[in-house]
N, C-alpha and C. Protein backbone atom coordinates (compact mmCIF):
# COMPACT_ATOMS: atom_id res chain seq x y z
N LYS A 1 5.47 24.83 10.45
CA LYS A 1 6.42 24.76 9.35
C LYS A 1 7.81 25.12 9.86
N PHE A 2 8.81 24.73 9.09
CA PHE A 2 10.17 25.04 9.46
C PHE A 2 10.86 25.67 8.26
N SER A 3 11.93 26.37 8.53
CA SER A 3 12.64 27.08 7.48
C SER A 3 13.54 26.14 6.71
N ALA A 4 13.43 26.18 5.40
CA ALA A 4 14.28 25.34 4.55
C ALA A 4 15.74 25.76 4.66
N ASN A 5 15.98 26.98 5.10
CA ASN A 5 17.35 27.48 5.18
C ASN A 5 18.09 26.95 6.40
N THR A 6 17.40 26.59 7.46
CA THR A 6 18.09 26.24 8.69
C THR A 6 17.77 24.86 9.25
N ASP A 7 16.59 24.33 8.98
CA ASP A 7 16.18 23.11 9.66
C ASP A 7 16.00 21.92 8.72
N THR A 8 16.35 20.74 9.21
CA THR A 8 15.98 19.51 8.54
C THR A 8 14.77 18.96 9.29
N PRO A 9 14.03 18.08 8.66
CA PRO A 9 12.85 17.55 9.36
C PRO A 9 13.24 16.84 10.65
N LYS A 10 12.42 17.03 11.66
CA LYS A 10 12.63 16.32 12.93
C LYS A 10 11.90 14.98 12.90
N THR A 11 10.79 14.94 12.18
CA THR A 11 10.01 13.71 12.03
C THR A 11 9.57 13.57 10.58
N VAL A 12 9.76 12.38 10.04
CA VAL A 12 9.34 12.09 8.67
C VAL A 12 8.36 10.92 8.72
N ALA A 13 7.25 11.07 8.03
CA ALA A 13 6.31 9.95 7.87
C ALA A 13 6.67 9.24 6.58
N VAL A 14 6.90 7.93 6.67
CA VAL A 14 7.13 7.12 5.48
C VAL A 14 5.90 6.26 5.28
N LEU A 15 5.26 6.41 4.13
CA LEU A 15 4.03 5.69 3.85
C LEU A 15 4.33 4.47 3.00
N GLY A 16 4.16 3.30 3.60
CA GLY A 16 4.48 2.05 2.92
C GLY A 16 5.70 1.42 3.55
N ALA A 17 5.56 0.20 4.07
CA ALA A 17 6.67 -0.45 4.77
C ALA A 17 7.19 -1.66 4.00
N GLY A 18 7.06 -1.60 2.67
CA GLY A 18 7.65 -2.64 1.83
C GLY A 18 9.15 -2.45 1.73
N ALA A 19 9.78 -3.06 0.75
CA ALA A 19 11.24 -3.00 0.63
C ALA A 19 11.75 -1.56 0.54
N MET A 20 11.13 -0.73 -0.30
CA MET A 20 11.60 0.65 -0.45
C MET A 20 11.27 1.48 0.78
N GLY A 21 10.03 1.41 1.25
CA GLY A 21 9.65 2.20 2.41
C GLY A 21 10.46 1.85 3.64
N MET A 22 10.66 0.56 3.87
CA MET A 22 11.46 0.13 5.02
C MET A 22 12.90 0.59 4.87
N GLY A 23 13.42 0.52 3.65
CA GLY A 23 14.78 0.99 3.40
C GLY A 23 14.92 2.48 3.67
N ILE A 24 13.96 3.26 3.20
CA ILE A 24 13.98 4.71 3.42
C ILE A 24 13.88 5.01 4.91
N ALA A 25 12.94 4.35 5.59
CA ALA A 25 12.76 4.57 7.03
C ALA A 25 14.02 4.23 7.81
N SER A 26 14.65 3.12 7.47
CA SER A 26 15.87 2.69 8.18
C SER A 26 17.00 3.69 8.03
N VAL A 27 17.20 4.19 6.80
CA VAL A 27 18.28 5.16 6.57
C VAL A 27 17.97 6.48 7.27
N LEU A 28 16.72 6.92 7.23
CA LEU A 28 16.34 8.14 7.95
C LEU A 28 16.66 8.02 9.43
N ALA A 29 16.31 6.88 10.02
CA ALA A 29 16.49 6.69 11.46
C ALA A 29 17.96 6.44 11.82
N GLU A 30 18.60 5.54 11.11
CA GLU A 30 19.94 5.11 11.51
C GLU A 30 21.05 6.03 11.01
N LYS A 31 20.91 6.59 9.84
CA LYS A 31 21.96 7.45 9.27
C LYS A 31 21.73 8.92 9.61
N ALA A 32 20.46 9.38 9.51
CA ALA A 32 20.16 10.80 9.72
C ALA A 32 19.66 11.10 11.12
N ALA A 33 19.41 10.06 11.93
CA ALA A 33 18.89 10.22 13.30
C ALA A 33 17.59 11.03 13.32
N ILE A 34 16.71 10.75 12.36
CA ILE A 34 15.41 11.42 12.25
C ILE A 34 14.33 10.45 12.71
N ASN A 35 13.40 10.96 13.51
CA ASN A 35 12.25 10.14 13.93
C ASN A 35 11.40 9.79 12.71
N VAL A 36 10.93 8.55 12.66
CA VAL A 36 10.13 8.09 11.53
C VAL A 36 8.81 7.52 12.01
N ASN A 37 7.71 8.01 11.44
CA ASN A 37 6.40 7.40 11.61
C ASN A 37 6.18 6.53 10.37
N LEU A 38 6.27 5.22 10.53
CA LEU A 38 6.18 4.29 9.41
C LEU A 38 4.75 3.77 9.31
N TYR A 39 4.08 4.10 8.20
CA TYR A 39 2.69 3.71 8.00
C TYR A 39 2.58 2.56 7.01
N ASP A 40 1.73 1.59 7.35
CA ASP A 40 1.38 0.54 6.41
C ASP A 40 0.03 -0.04 6.84
N ILE A 41 -0.70 -0.62 5.89
CA ILE A 41 -1.99 -1.23 6.23
C ILE A 41 -1.80 -2.61 6.86
N ASP A 42 -0.59 -3.17 6.72
CA ASP A 42 -0.29 -4.51 7.24
C ASP A 42 0.66 -4.40 8.43
N VAL A 43 0.15 -4.68 9.62
CA VAL A 43 0.96 -4.57 10.84
C VAL A 43 2.16 -5.51 10.82
N GLY A 44 2.07 -6.59 10.07
CA GLY A 44 3.19 -7.53 9.97
C GLY A 44 4.43 -6.94 9.34
N GLN A 45 4.27 -5.86 8.56
CA GLN A 45 5.41 -5.22 7.91
C GLN A 45 6.34 -4.53 8.90
N PHE A 46 5.88 -4.27 10.11
CA PHE A 46 6.69 -3.51 11.08
C PHE A 46 7.73 -4.37 11.80
N LYS A 47 7.70 -5.66 11.60
CA LYS A 47 8.63 -6.55 12.31
C LYS A 47 10.09 -6.17 12.07
N LEU A 48 10.43 -5.76 10.85
CA LEU A 48 11.81 -5.40 10.54
C LEU A 48 12.25 -4.12 11.24
N ALA A 49 11.29 -3.31 11.68
CA ALA A 49 11.62 -2.03 12.32
C ALA A 49 11.64 -2.11 13.84
N GLU A 50 11.32 -3.26 14.40
CA GLU A 50 11.19 -3.38 15.86
C GLU A 50 12.47 -3.03 16.61
N ASP A 51 13.63 -3.28 16.01
CA ASP A 51 14.90 -3.03 16.70
C ASP A 51 15.47 -1.64 16.42
N ILE A 52 14.73 -0.79 15.73
CA ILE A 52 15.21 0.56 15.43
C ILE A 52 14.38 1.55 16.25
N PRO A 53 14.96 2.08 17.33
CA PRO A 53 14.19 2.90 18.28
C PRO A 53 13.52 4.13 17.68
N LEU A 54 14.08 4.74 16.65
CA LEU A 54 13.50 5.97 16.11
C LEU A 54 12.34 5.72 15.14
N ILE A 55 12.03 4.45 14.86
CA ILE A 55 10.92 4.13 13.97
C ILE A 55 9.72 3.68 14.77
N LYS A 56 8.59 4.33 14.51
CA LYS A 56 7.33 3.97 15.16
C LYS A 56 6.34 3.53 14.08
N GLY A 57 5.90 2.29 14.12
CA GLY A 57 4.97 1.77 13.14
C GLY A 57 3.52 2.08 13.50
N THR A 58 2.70 2.33 12.49
CA THR A 58 1.27 2.58 12.71
C THR A 58 0.47 2.19 11.48
N THR A 59 -0.76 1.76 11.72
CA THR A 59 -1.69 1.48 10.61
C THR A 59 -2.68 2.63 10.44
N ASP A 60 -2.44 3.73 11.13
CA ASP A 60 -3.31 4.91 11.08
C ASP A 60 -2.61 6.02 10.30
N LEU A 61 -3.09 6.28 9.08
CA LEU A 61 -2.45 7.28 8.22
C LEU A 61 -2.43 8.66 8.87
N SER A 62 -3.54 9.06 9.46
CA SER A 62 -3.60 10.39 10.10
C SER A 62 -2.57 10.51 11.21
N GLU A 63 -2.42 9.45 12.01
CA GLU A 63 -1.44 9.45 13.09
C GLU A 63 -0.02 9.57 12.54
N ALA A 64 0.26 8.87 11.45
CA ALA A 64 1.60 8.91 10.85
C ALA A 64 1.95 10.31 10.36
N VAL A 65 0.98 10.96 9.73
CA VAL A 65 1.23 12.24 9.06
C VAL A 65 1.18 13.42 10.02
N GLN A 66 0.36 13.33 11.05
CA GLN A 66 0.05 14.47 11.91
C GLN A 66 1.28 15.20 12.43
N SER A 67 2.24 14.49 13.00
CA SER A 67 3.40 15.15 13.62
C SER A 67 4.60 15.26 12.68
N ALA A 68 4.44 14.86 11.42
CA ALA A 68 5.56 14.83 10.48
C ALA A 68 5.82 16.19 9.84
N ASP A 69 7.09 16.50 9.67
CA ASP A 69 7.50 17.70 8.95
C ASP A 69 7.58 17.43 7.45
N LEU A 70 7.77 16.16 7.11
CA LEU A 70 7.87 15.71 5.72
C LEU A 70 7.23 14.34 5.63
N VAL A 71 6.54 14.09 4.53
CA VAL A 71 5.95 12.78 4.26
C VAL A 71 6.59 12.23 2.99
N ILE A 72 7.06 10.98 3.05
CA ILE A 72 7.60 10.31 1.87
C ILE A 72 6.70 9.13 1.55
N GLU A 73 6.05 9.18 0.41
CA GLU A 73 5.13 8.14 -0.02
C GLU A 73 5.90 7.06 -0.78
N ALA A 74 5.81 5.82 -0.31
CA ALA A 74 6.50 4.69 -0.94
C ALA A 74 5.56 3.49 -1.03
N ILE A 75 4.33 3.75 -1.45
CA ILE A 75 3.33 2.69 -1.56
C ILE A 75 3.40 2.08 -2.95
N PRO A 76 2.67 0.99 -3.22
CA PRO A 76 2.73 0.34 -4.53
C PRO A 76 2.44 1.30 -5.69
N GLU A 77 3.02 0.97 -6.85
CA GLU A 77 2.95 1.81 -8.04
C GLU A 77 1.58 1.72 -8.73
N LEU A 78 0.57 2.22 -8.05
CA LEU A 78 -0.78 2.32 -8.59
C LEU A 78 -1.18 3.78 -8.52
N LEU A 79 -1.36 4.41 -9.67
CA LEU A 79 -1.58 5.85 -9.71
C LEU A 79 -2.77 6.29 -8.87
N SER A 80 -3.90 5.59 -8.98
CA SER A 80 -5.09 6.00 -8.23
C SER A 80 -4.85 5.89 -6.73
N LEU A 81 -4.11 4.87 -6.30
CA LEU A 81 -3.80 4.70 -4.88
C LEU A 81 -2.88 5.80 -4.39
N LYS A 82 -1.86 6.10 -5.17
CA LYS A 82 -0.93 7.18 -4.79
C LYS A 82 -1.67 8.51 -4.67
N ARG A 83 -2.52 8.82 -5.65
CA ARG A 83 -3.28 10.07 -5.60
C ARG A 83 -4.15 10.14 -4.35
N GLU A 84 -4.81 9.03 -4.05
CA GLU A 84 -5.71 8.99 -2.89
C GLU A 84 -4.94 9.21 -1.59
N VAL A 85 -3.84 8.49 -1.42
CA VAL A 85 -3.07 8.58 -0.18
C VAL A 85 -2.44 9.96 -0.03
N VAL A 86 -1.85 10.48 -1.11
CA VAL A 86 -1.22 11.80 -1.06
C VAL A 86 -2.26 12.87 -0.73
N SER A 87 -3.46 12.76 -1.29
CA SER A 87 -4.49 13.77 -1.03
C SER A 87 -4.90 13.79 0.45
N LYS A 88 -4.71 12.69 1.15
CA LYS A 88 -5.07 12.62 2.57
C LYS A 88 -3.98 13.19 3.49
N CYS A 89 -2.86 13.58 2.92
CA CYS A 89 -1.75 14.11 3.74
C CYS A 89 -1.94 15.57 4.11
N GLY A 90 -2.81 16.27 3.40
CA GLY A 90 -3.06 17.68 3.69
C GLY A 90 -2.20 18.59 2.82
N ASP A 91 -2.74 19.74 2.49
CA ASP A 91 -2.05 20.68 1.60
C ASP A 91 -0.90 21.41 2.28
N ASP A 92 -0.86 21.41 3.61
CA ASP A 92 0.17 22.16 4.33
C ASP A 92 1.41 21.32 4.63
N LYS A 93 1.42 20.04 4.29
CA LYS A 93 2.57 19.16 4.55
C LYS A 93 3.47 19.11 3.33
N PHE A 94 4.79 19.04 3.57
CA PHE A 94 5.72 18.74 2.50
C PHE A 94 5.62 17.25 2.23
N VAL A 95 5.38 16.88 0.98
CA VAL A 95 5.17 15.48 0.62
C VAL A 95 6.03 15.15 -0.60
N ALA A 96 6.67 13.98 -0.56
CA ALA A 96 7.44 13.51 -1.71
C ALA A 96 6.99 12.11 -2.08
N THR A 97 6.99 11.82 -3.36
CA THR A 97 6.69 10.48 -3.83
C THR A 97 7.97 9.79 -4.25
N ASN A 98 8.05 8.50 -3.98
CA ASN A 98 9.20 7.71 -4.40
C ASN A 98 8.91 6.99 -5.72
N THR A 99 7.97 7.47 -6.49
CA THR A 99 7.60 6.78 -7.72
C THR A 99 8.76 6.68 -8.70
N SER A 100 8.79 5.59 -9.43
CA SER A 100 9.73 5.45 -10.54
C SER A 100 8.96 5.30 -11.85
N THR A 101 7.65 5.30 -11.76
CA THR A 101 6.79 5.02 -12.90
C THR A 101 6.04 6.25 -13.40
N PHE A 102 5.53 7.06 -12.46
CA PHE A 102 4.64 8.16 -12.83
C PHE A 102 5.33 9.51 -12.72
N LYS A 103 4.83 10.47 -13.48
CA LYS A 103 5.29 11.83 -13.32
C LYS A 103 4.71 12.39 -12.02
N VAL A 104 5.48 13.24 -11.36
CA VAL A 104 5.05 13.88 -10.12
C VAL A 104 3.74 14.62 -10.34
N GLU A 105 3.65 15.33 -11.44
CA GLU A 105 2.47 16.13 -11.77
C GLU A 105 1.20 15.27 -11.86
N ASP A 106 1.35 14.01 -12.25
CA ASP A 106 0.19 13.13 -12.38
C ASP A 106 -0.38 12.71 -11.03
N ILE A 107 0.44 12.85 -9.98
CA ILE A 107 0.00 12.46 -8.63
C ILE A 107 -0.58 13.66 -7.89
N SER A 108 0.11 14.80 -7.94
CA SER A 108 -0.37 16.00 -7.26
C SER A 108 0.28 17.24 -7.86
N SER A 109 -0.48 18.34 -7.88
CA SER A 109 0.05 19.62 -8.36
C SER A 109 0.23 20.61 -7.23
N ASN A 110 0.23 20.12 -5.99
CA ASN A 110 0.44 20.97 -4.82
C ASN A 110 1.87 21.51 -4.83
N SER A 111 2.06 22.75 -4.43
CA SER A 111 3.41 23.33 -4.43
C SER A 111 4.32 22.69 -3.39
N ASN A 112 3.73 22.03 -2.39
CA ASN A 112 4.52 21.33 -1.36
C ASN A 112 4.82 19.89 -1.74
N PHE A 113 4.57 19.52 -3.01
CA PHE A 113 4.74 18.14 -3.45
C PHE A 113 5.85 18.04 -4.49
N GLY A 114 6.69 17.03 -4.33
CA GLY A 114 7.77 16.77 -5.29
C GLY A 114 8.12 15.29 -5.26
N GLY A 115 9.23 14.95 -5.85
CA GLY A 115 9.65 13.56 -5.91
C GLY A 115 10.97 13.33 -5.19
N MET A 116 11.08 12.18 -4.55
CA MET A 116 12.36 11.69 -4.01
C MET A 116 12.46 10.24 -4.48
N HIS A 117 13.10 10.04 -5.62
CA HIS A 117 13.20 8.70 -6.18
C HIS A 117 14.49 8.04 -5.69
N PHE A 118 14.32 7.12 -4.73
CA PHE A 118 15.44 6.36 -4.18
C PHE A 118 15.67 5.13 -5.04
N PHE A 119 16.85 4.53 -4.90
CA PHE A 119 17.19 3.33 -5.63
C PHE A 119 17.41 2.18 -4.66
N ASN A 120 17.14 0.98 -5.10
CA ASN A 120 17.18 -0.22 -4.25
C ASN A 120 18.53 -0.93 -4.38
N PRO A 121 19.18 -1.29 -3.27
CA PRO A 121 18.75 -1.09 -1.89
C PRO A 121 19.09 0.32 -1.39
N VAL A 122 18.16 0.91 -0.69
CA VAL A 122 18.31 2.30 -0.23
C VAL A 122 19.56 2.46 0.63
N SER A 123 19.88 1.46 1.42
CA SER A 123 21.03 1.57 2.33
C SER A 123 22.36 1.68 1.60
N ARG A 124 22.42 1.24 0.35
CA ARG A 124 23.69 1.21 -0.37
C ARG A 124 23.77 2.15 -1.56
N MET A 125 22.65 2.53 -2.12
CA MET A 125 22.66 3.36 -3.33
C MET A 125 22.73 4.85 -2.95
N PRO A 126 23.75 5.56 -3.41
CA PRO A 126 23.98 6.93 -2.93
C PRO A 126 23.12 8.02 -3.56
N LEU A 127 22.49 7.74 -4.69
CA LEU A 127 21.78 8.77 -5.44
C LEU A 127 20.30 8.84 -5.08
N VAL A 128 19.77 10.05 -5.03
CA VAL A 128 18.32 10.28 -4.92
C VAL A 128 17.96 11.31 -5.98
N GLU A 129 17.01 10.95 -6.86
CA GLU A 129 16.53 11.92 -7.82
C GLU A 129 15.46 12.78 -7.13
N VAL A 130 15.75 14.06 -6.98
CA VAL A 130 14.80 15.01 -6.39
C VAL A 130 14.07 15.66 -7.56
N VAL A 131 12.78 15.35 -7.66
CA VAL A 131 12.03 15.70 -8.86
C VAL A 131 11.15 16.92 -8.62
N SER A 132 11.31 17.90 -9.49
CA SER A 132 10.53 19.13 -9.43
C SER A 132 9.40 19.07 -10.44
N GLY A 133 8.17 18.99 -9.93
CA GLY A 133 7.00 19.08 -10.80
C GLY A 133 6.79 20.52 -11.20
N PRO A 134 5.88 20.78 -12.13
CA PRO A 134 5.62 22.15 -12.60
C PRO A 134 5.21 23.10 -11.48
N SER A 135 4.60 22.58 -10.41
CA SER A 135 4.12 23.43 -9.32
C SER A 135 5.01 23.36 -8.08
N THR A 136 6.03 22.50 -8.07
CA THR A 136 6.86 22.30 -6.89
C THR A 136 7.59 23.59 -6.53
N SER A 137 7.49 24.00 -5.26
CA SER A 137 8.13 25.24 -4.82
C SER A 137 9.62 25.02 -4.54
N GLU A 138 10.34 26.13 -4.53
CA GLU A 138 11.78 26.10 -4.19
C GLU A 138 11.98 25.60 -2.76
N GLU A 139 11.07 25.99 -1.87
CA GLU A 139 11.17 25.55 -0.48
C GLU A 139 11.02 24.03 -0.39
N THR A 140 10.11 23.47 -1.16
CA THR A 140 9.94 22.02 -1.16
C THR A 140 11.21 21.34 -1.66
N LEU A 141 11.78 21.83 -2.74
CA LEU A 141 13.02 21.25 -3.26
C LEU A 141 14.14 21.33 -2.22
N ALA A 142 14.20 22.46 -1.51
CA ALA A 142 15.23 22.63 -0.47
C ALA A 142 15.06 21.59 0.63
N ILE A 143 13.82 21.36 1.06
CA ILE A 143 13.56 20.36 2.11
C ILE A 143 13.97 18.97 1.64
N LEU A 144 13.60 18.63 0.40
CA LEU A 144 13.91 17.30 -0.12
C LEU A 144 15.42 17.10 -0.27
N CYS A 145 16.11 18.13 -0.72
CA CYS A 145 17.58 18.05 -0.84
C CYS A 145 18.24 17.96 0.53
N LYS A 146 17.77 18.77 1.46
CA LYS A 146 18.35 18.76 2.81
C LYS A 146 18.15 17.40 3.47
N THR A 147 16.98 16.81 3.28
CA THR A 147 16.71 15.49 3.84
C THR A 147 17.60 14.44 3.19
N SER A 148 17.76 14.51 1.88
CA SER A 148 18.63 13.58 1.16
C SER A 148 20.06 13.66 1.69
N LEU A 149 20.56 14.87 1.87
CA LEU A 149 21.92 15.05 2.37
C LEU A 149 22.07 14.52 3.79
N ALA A 150 21.05 14.73 4.63
CA ALA A 150 21.09 14.21 6.00
C ALA A 150 21.16 12.68 6.00
N MET A 151 20.59 12.07 4.96
CA MET A 151 20.61 10.61 4.83
C MET A 151 21.91 10.10 4.23
N GLY A 152 22.81 11.02 3.90
CA GLY A 152 24.08 10.63 3.29
C GLY A 152 23.94 10.35 1.80
N LYS A 153 22.90 10.91 1.19
CA LYS A 153 22.63 10.69 -0.23
C LYS A 153 23.04 11.90 -1.06
N VAL A 154 23.24 11.68 -2.35
CA VAL A 154 23.53 12.75 -3.29
C VAL A 154 22.23 13.11 -4.01
N PRO A 155 21.67 14.30 -3.76
CA PRO A 155 20.44 14.68 -4.44
C PRO A 155 20.72 15.19 -5.85
N LEU A 156 20.05 14.62 -6.82
CA LEU A 156 20.15 15.05 -8.21
C LEU A 156 18.81 15.66 -8.59
N ILE A 157 18.78 17.00 -8.68
CA ILE A 157 17.53 17.68 -9.00
C ILE A 157 17.24 17.55 -10.49
N CYS A 158 16.02 17.13 -10.80
CA CYS A 158 15.63 17.00 -12.20
C CYS A 158 14.19 17.45 -12.37
N ASN A 159 13.86 17.78 -13.61
CA ASN A 159 12.49 18.16 -13.93
C ASN A 159 11.62 16.92 -14.05
N ASP A 160 10.34 17.12 -13.95
CA ASP A 160 9.36 16.05 -14.00
C ASP A 160 9.18 15.57 -15.44
N CYS A 161 9.65 14.36 -15.71
CA CYS A 161 9.49 13.77 -17.04
C CYS A 161 9.52 12.26 -16.89
N SER A 162 9.07 11.55 -17.88
CA SER A 162 9.05 10.10 -17.82
C SER A 162 10.47 9.55 -17.63
N GLY A 163 10.65 8.74 -16.60
CA GLY A 163 11.94 8.11 -16.35
C GLY A 163 12.94 8.96 -15.59
N PHE A 164 12.62 10.24 -15.36
CA PHE A 164 13.53 11.17 -14.70
C PHE A 164 14.90 11.13 -15.39
N VAL A 165 16.00 10.98 -14.65
CA VAL A 165 17.32 10.99 -15.29
C VAL A 165 17.84 9.57 -15.50
N VAL A 166 17.91 8.81 -14.42
CA VAL A 166 18.58 7.50 -14.47
C VAL A 166 17.87 6.53 -15.42
N ASN A 167 16.56 6.41 -15.30
CA ASN A 167 15.85 5.47 -16.16
C ASN A 167 15.80 5.93 -17.62
N ARG A 168 15.85 7.24 -17.84
CA ARG A 168 15.91 7.74 -19.23
C ARG A 168 17.23 7.34 -19.87
N MET A 169 18.30 7.30 -19.07
CA MET A 169 19.60 6.88 -19.60
C MET A 169 19.69 5.35 -19.68
N LEU A 170 19.09 4.67 -18.72
CA LEU A 170 19.19 3.22 -18.65
C LEU A 170 18.43 2.51 -19.76
N MET A 171 17.24 2.99 -20.10
CA MET A 171 16.40 2.27 -21.07
C MET A 171 17.04 2.09 -22.44
N PRO A 172 17.63 3.11 -23.06
CA PRO A 172 18.28 2.87 -24.36
C PRO A 172 19.43 1.85 -24.25
N TYR A 173 20.11 1.88 -23.14
CA TYR A 173 21.20 0.95 -22.87
C TYR A 173 20.67 -0.49 -22.84
N LEU A 174 19.56 -0.71 -22.14
CA LEU A 174 18.97 -2.04 -22.04
C LEU A 174 18.36 -2.49 -23.37
N ILE A 175 17.76 -1.55 -24.09
CA ILE A 175 17.18 -1.89 -25.40
C ILE A 175 18.27 -2.36 -26.36
N GLU A 176 19.39 -1.65 -26.37
CA GLU A 176 20.50 -2.05 -27.24
C GLU A 176 21.07 -3.40 -26.83
N PHE A 177 21.18 -3.64 -25.52
CA PHE A 177 21.64 -4.93 -25.02
C PHE A 177 20.72 -6.04 -25.52
N ASP A 178 19.40 -5.84 -25.38
CA ASP A 178 18.42 -6.84 -25.81
C ASP A 178 18.53 -7.09 -27.31
N LYS A 179 18.72 -6.03 -28.07
CA LYS A 179 18.85 -6.17 -29.52
C LYS A 179 20.08 -7.00 -29.89
N MET A 180 21.19 -6.73 -29.23
CA MET A 180 22.42 -7.47 -29.53
C MET A 180 22.29 -8.95 -29.16
N VAL A 181 21.65 -9.23 -28.04
CA VAL A 181 21.45 -10.62 -27.63
C VAL A 181 20.53 -11.33 -28.62
N SER A 182 19.47 -10.65 -29.08
CA SER A 182 18.54 -11.26 -30.04
C SER A 182 19.20 -11.49 -31.40
N GLU A 183 20.28 -10.77 -31.68
CA GLU A 183 21.04 -10.96 -32.93
C GLU A 183 22.16 -11.98 -32.75
N ASP A 184 22.10 -12.73 -31.64
CA ASP A 184 23.05 -13.83 -31.35
C ASP A 184 24.48 -13.37 -31.08
N HIS A 185 24.66 -12.14 -30.61
CA HIS A 185 25.98 -11.73 -30.16
C HIS A 185 26.28 -12.44 -28.84
N ASP A 186 27.55 -12.66 -28.58
CA ASP A 186 27.95 -13.40 -27.38
C ASP A 186 27.57 -12.62 -26.12
N TYR A 187 26.73 -13.25 -25.30
CA TYR A 187 26.22 -12.61 -24.08
C TYR A 187 27.35 -12.17 -23.16
N SER A 188 28.33 -13.05 -22.90
CA SER A 188 29.40 -12.72 -21.94
C SER A 188 30.28 -11.59 -22.47
N HIS A 189 30.47 -11.52 -23.79
CA HIS A 189 31.26 -10.43 -24.36
C HIS A 189 30.52 -9.09 -24.19
N ILE A 190 29.21 -9.10 -24.49
CA ILE A 190 28.40 -7.89 -24.32
C ILE A 190 28.45 -7.44 -22.86
N ASP A 191 28.30 -8.37 -21.94
CA ASP A 191 28.32 -8.08 -20.52
C ASP A 191 29.65 -7.46 -20.11
N THR A 192 30.75 -8.02 -20.59
CA THR A 192 32.08 -7.49 -20.26
C THR A 192 32.27 -6.08 -20.80
N VAL A 193 31.87 -5.86 -22.04
CA VAL A 193 32.01 -4.54 -22.65
C VAL A 193 31.16 -3.52 -21.88
N MET A 194 29.92 -3.88 -21.54
CA MET A 194 29.05 -2.95 -20.83
C MET A 194 29.59 -2.60 -19.44
N LYS A 195 30.19 -3.56 -18.77
CA LYS A 195 30.74 -3.30 -17.44
C LYS A 195 31.98 -2.43 -17.50
N ASN A 196 32.72 -2.50 -18.60
CA ASN A 196 33.99 -1.77 -18.71
C ASN A 196 33.83 -0.39 -19.32
N HIS A 197 32.63 -0.02 -19.71
CA HIS A 197 32.43 1.31 -20.33
C HIS A 197 31.42 2.12 -19.59
């Protein structure tokens, strides 16, 4: 283990090499200069990482997690799959989920577990929602925030709830937009007003 007060992770395991996982891995390696063990069940997903020296692809979950100081789970949004994969990371590892659908508590109640909700595309979006579940320790939050800052991101700490912060604010906005369009209001006018406010 390392101290949340002084150290950032030296190696991060990113689980899932899809658009989000690859984006997270790339920013960790290229912006934060952190070694990345990139795990996926499909070896073809590693092609995009071949030119990034700090990223090592593997189809072996144990190998990916073993030397990691932090694990970031970015696999498909299937609750049973997330629970299964996270449970295989071990209770002594700091683990974060990139979920945008589920509450952190629904995936794991381990004190070393929290959320790091990145936005797409990861390389351009500055915000990361750092989610504190009911059991998430202060040390875990510190690690997740420190990692976010090393990536050049702004960590926004929030409690574990449906939609976290951004999606809780976005949904009423989209619902109202949909309502106005269905009432035959001018689409381009609505779009202009929404962009200017």
